[in-house]
Amino acid sequence: MEKLKLFSLAGLIVYFIILLTVVFLTRKNKNIEDYFFAGRSLPFWALSITFIASWWGAGAAISTADLAYEDGLSSFWYYGVPAMISTALLMLFSKAIRRVGCYTQGLMFAKRYNRTAALLLSIMIFWFMTITAATQIVGVGQFLSMYLGISYNAAAVGGTAVVLIYSLFGGFRGVVITDVIQFIFLLASAIIVFAVALYTAGGFSAISEAAAKASKPEFTSFFHRTGDYIVYVITFSAAWMIQAGIWQRISATRNENDAKRMTMLSLGAYLPLNLIVVITGMAGLAIYKEMPSHGIVPALVNDYMHPVLGAFIFIGICSAIMSTMDSLINTGALTLSMDIYSGYINPAAGKRRLMLVSQFSTVLVTFLAVLIAIRNQSFLEVSWLAADFITTGAFVPLIAGFLWRRGNAAGTIASMLAGIAFCFYNLLQTFELGLPVIVEPGSTGAALSGIFISAIVYITVSLLTKPEFQKAETFIARAGLISPARLEGSFIETTD
């Protein structure tokens, strides 16, 4: 174990040096568009890799494997199914998102609805990105603490500091370049752990035998316990489909065809990648009679691998966590600097000022996420909290804005406020304040109810208030979803 710690620490230091060196050698950020979109010059396959890496993080690498040890194949519903559903939906909308030409969702809302709705959305996105970044800090803190034998706080701060450095100076280009490197490490590590787990377990037949001995006849059933996971499928699928970080990647593509190619490549990768993690966890049932205290993947590395190989796996898992964290921090900073600061606080800010604000925003998002991660170390709890707010508050008006010309700014603002209020009320119920229970917080009913209430309010208020047909049709036509012949006015040009 001591050798493993020594090799892991040495390998981690070398790995960090490589990442930071690559970022500093490839810095090309002259303005805010370079800092957050790499000048729309990156190939679709590189953006696809950063798309995959940004979602295939700590949850997929550690949490899913542990869930698979308990629930078997059906644990694929926790992370794999939402990732595939949301990516499939994004693939359908990818060309429309890129055609609109707006860099951010906030700018899209300003064009489709109004500035008030855009500001409200930007605040929600900033909240979501910061909270979700905290989940990855929880992951890196728990993992480094367990592996290196240091305190959780020191591990969380130390691991995050490296991400902050290359995100701060490299911007989006640095995030993409490091994500490509990290994905290579992660993919190799996942395949190695999968192979070792399956070989040690004795193959698929041995897994089935172990499940029978453990009185788990449904262990290899894909649909067992789907009811327990459906709340994650609904909440995560909706939240991820509108995740600003992925729309940022779609907006960063060279053209609409690259946007479609990027999402298609990502969709094809999620099935085998998440399945590898699930089967690794299932194999653990044939190897360990009880769940190892530190989880399946760390136990396999420690018990069945040479320290050098174990150190490589250690770096791969760190890559999984960091590649998600950097994307969230970068997008949170994008929202704060471009949508909020440039859009509302100081629209006349020059390029140099915007660059400084962008870097400050990167530091601020990271700082807030670290504070949250130190106070709450539950990965699932923090993940659900972040996804629930963005789903109930923004999913309906964001998607409906592309599809329903009658939807207007009044309906959007009312819908978002209703969704936030519903989600906040559910959150208060978890503090045991004696409030009446409308639906059980964190349940499937709560997830569906939040989206339903948001939709009803959006439709009702839009129908009861003045329509904004010209603005709506102009936006939808620019997205390529209605014929330009229906336009009565011209589209307001976007930053492109």
Foldseek 3Di string as FASTA:
>chain_A
DVLLLVLLVVVQVVLLVVLLVVLVVPADDPFPCCQAQVVLPDFLQLLLLLVLLQQLALCLQFVLLQVLLVQAQQSCLQRLLLQLLLLVLCLVQLLLLQLLLFLFLLVLCCLLFNNVLSVLLLVLLLLLLLLLLLLLLLSQLLLCCVSNVDHSLVRSVVLLVSLLSSCLRRGPVSLSVLSVVLSVLQVVLLVVLLVLLCVLLPHPVSLCVLCVVVVNNCNHPNPPPVQVNVLSSLLSNLLSSRNGLLSNSSNSHNHSVSSSVSSVVNSVPSVVSSSSSSSSSSSVSSVDVDAPPSGRSLVCLVPPHDSNSSSSSSSSNSSSSSSNSSSSLSSSLCSCLVSPCCVPVNVPDDRVVSSVSSSVSSVVSSVSSSVVSVVDSDSVVSNSLSSQLCNLQPSQCSVVLLPPQLFHNQLNVQLNVQLNVLSVVQVVVVVVPPDDDPDHPSHSVSSVVSNVSSNVSRVVRSVVDDGDNQSSVQSNVSSVNDPPVPHPDHRDDHDD
